[in-house]
Structure formats: C-alpha cells, structure tokens
Amino acid sequence: MKIKFLAVCCLAMLSLSVGCKSDTNANVANANANMNANANMTMRTPAMAATDPAAETAVKAALAKKGLNDVTVQATTTEITLRGTVPKGKLTEAMMAASEAGVNRKVTNQVTEK
C-alpha cells in the first residue's frame, strides 16, 4: 500500500514539474503583447450623480414639519444625505421623515444626536 502511494505521489510530482517548464522568451513576448494591448485603452471616469433640488426641498419640508431644523439635506439622483444634529431620541424620526418624503432613494445618515 505504501509503495503504491509513493508511486502515485512521484508520478504526480513528475507531471506537475513537466508542466511548469516554459520558454522565458515566450513569457516576455506575452507580457509585451499585453502591455501594447492596454496602451490603447482609454479610462472612463465614474459619472457623478446629479443634484436633485426638488427632492432636497421635499425632504427639507418633511424635516421642518417634524421640527428638525438643524439638519442639512444633500439630494442627488441616487441618494439623500442627512447631516447635522437632532435632539436626543429624534434620530429615527429624521430618518423616517426623509425616507417617507415621497422620494424613493437611499437615505445616508450622518446626523448626530445632541
């Protein structure tokens, strides 16, 4: 049993070592070809989300209705960001007011409680 196991291990090592041999010039040629292929590519910059004044106004109105006037709102076409301070225990109210303002966007919370 031990001899069979050793024979299998030796054959496996032999087949692995044969597969690793390659011509170093071929690797250099492939690397150069890859570099040349990437040289003609242009890089795109990620698109910035546009601001949305209508959504910003709607969220500000919803927050003012709840009496949360120390919160600033930044609204884009993808998300709404809340910043500022609210009285202790009113953080969930601020988040709910922003999410229920009729604007279907992700709300990012950067508000702190006093």
Protein backbone atom coordinates (compact mmCIF):
# COMPACT_ATOMS: atom_id res chain seq x y z
CA MET A 1 0.00 0.00 0.00
CA LYS A 2 2.82 2.38 0.89
CA ILE A 3 4.63 1.62 -2.36
CA LYS A 4 1.51 2.38 -4.42
CA PHE A 5 1.02 5.66 -2.56
CA LEU A 6 4.66 6.65 -3.13
CA ALA A 7 4.41 5.73 -6.82
CA VAL A 8 1.29 7.87 -7.25
CA CYS A 9 2.95 10.82 -5.46
CA CYS A 10 6.08 10.53 -7.61
CA LEU A 11 4.04 10.42 -10.83
CA ALA A 12 2.01 13.43 -9.73
CA MET A 13 5.15 15.43 -8.91
CA LEU A 14 6.72 14.44 -12.21
CA SER A 15 3.67 15.52 -14.20
CA LEU A 16 3.49 18.82 -12.32
CA SER A 17 7.16 19.60 -12.84
CA VAL A 18 6.96 18.86 -16.57
CA GLY A 19 4.02 21.23 -16.93
CA CYS A 20 5.92 24.08 -15.26
CA LYS A 21 8.72 24.22 -17.80
CA SER A 22 8.34 27.01 -20.31
CA ASP A 23 10.37 29.26 -22.51
CA THR A 24 11.16 32.54 -20.73
CA ASN A 25 11.16 34.40 -24.03
CA ALA A 26 7.56 33.36 -24.62
CA ASN A 27 6.60 34.89 -21.26
CA VAL A 28 8.35 38.16 -22.14
CA ALA A 29 6.63 38.23 -25.53
CA ASN A 30 3.23 37.67 -23.91
CA ALA A 31 3.87 40.41 -21.36
CA ASN A 32 4.86 42.86 -24.11
CA ALA A 33 1.78 41.95 -26.14
CA ASN A 34 -0.44 42.56 -23.12
CA MET A 35 1.17 45.93 -22.43
CA ASN A 36 0.67 47.01 -26.04
CA ALA A 37 -2.96 45.92 -25.97
CA ASN A 38 -3.60 48.00 -22.83
CA ALA A 39 -1.80 51.08 -24.17
CA ASN A 40 -4.68 51.97 -26.49
CA MET A 41 -7.41 51.75 -23.85
CA THR A 42 -8.97 54.93 -22.53
CA MET A 43 -10.00 55.11 -18.90
CA ARG A 44 -13.51 56.25 -18.05
CA THR A 45 -14.17 58.34 -15.02
CA PRO A 46 -17.19 57.33 -12.97
CA ALA A 47 -20.22 59.50 -13.54
CA MET A 48 -21.15 61.76 -10.66
CA ALA A 49 -24.77 61.72 -9.58
CA ALA A 50 -26.55 64.96 -10.42
CA THR A 51 -28.06 67.03 -7.65
CA ASP A 52 -31.83 66.97 -7.31
CA PRO A 53 -33.21 70.25 -5.91
CA ALA A 54 -36.83 69.01 -5.94
CA ALA A 55 -36.00 66.01 -3.75
CA GLU A 56 -33.90 68.21 -1.47
CA THR A 57 -36.81 70.64 -1.00
CA ALA A 58 -39.26 67.80 -0.32
CA VAL A 59 -37.03 66.24 2.35
CA LYS A 60 -36.31 69.63 3.98
CA ALA A 61 -40.05 70.30 4.16
CA ALA A 62 -40.70 66.89 5.74
CA LEU A 63 -37.97 67.50 8.33
CA ALA A 64 -39.27 71.02 9.09
CA LYS A 65 -42.76 69.56 9.58
CA LYS A 66 -41.30 67.34 12.33
CA GLY A 67 -39.47 70.34 13.85
CA LEU A 68 -35.99 69.16 12.85
CA ASN A 69 -34.44 72.37 11.57
CA ASP A 70 -30.76 71.69 12.36
CA VAL A 71 -30.46 69.06 9.63
CA THR A 72 -28.99 69.84 6.22
CA VAL A 73 -30.03 67.80 3.21
CA GLN A 74 -27.98 66.92 0.14
CA ALA A 75 -30.02 65.13 -2.51
CA THR A 76 -28.71 63.53 -5.68
CA THR A 77 -30.38 61.33 -8.24
CA THR A 78 -29.15 58.24 -6.37
CA GLU A 79 -29.26 59.07 -2.65
CA ILE A 80 -30.15 61.56 0.05
CA THR A 81 -27.59 62.50 2.71
CA LEU A 82 -28.63 63.97 6.05
CA ARG A 83 -26.12 65.94 8.13
CA GLY A 84 -26.41 67.99 11.29
CA THR A 85 -27.81 67.47 14.77
CA VAL A 86 -31.15 66.43 16.20
CA PRO A 87 -32.41 66.27 19.79
CA LYS A 88 -31.80 63.01 21.62
CA GLY A 89 -34.32 60.36 20.57
CA LYS A 90 -35.33 62.11 17.33
CA LEU A 91 -32.85 60.37 15.02
CA THR A 92 -35.32 57.73 13.87
CA GLU A 93 -37.91 60.43 13.22
CA ALA A 94 -35.45 62.25 10.97
CA MET A 95 -34.63 59.10 9.02
CA MET A 96 -38.32 58.19 8.64
CA ALA A 97 -39.23 61.71 7.54
CA ALA A 98 -36.51 61.63 4.89
CA SER A 99 -37.45 58.18 3.61
CA GLU A 100 -41.19 58.95 3.57
CA ALA A 101 -40.86 62.33 1.85
CA GLY A 102 -42.09 60.91 -1.44
CA VAL A 103 -38.57 60.49 -2.81
CA ASN A 104 -37.64 56.87 -3.45
CA ARG A 105 -33.89 56.94 -2.75
CA LYS A 106 -31.37 55.52 -0.33
CA VAL A 107 -31.01 57.73 2.76
CA THR A 108 -27.50 58.10 4.21
CA ASN A 109 -27.40 59.13 7.85
CA GLN A 110 -24.63 61.44 9.05
CA VAL A 111 -26.77 63.04 11.77
CA THR A 112 -25.68 63.16 15.42
CA GLU A 113 -27.88 63.43 18.48
CA LYS A 114 -27.43 66.27 20.99
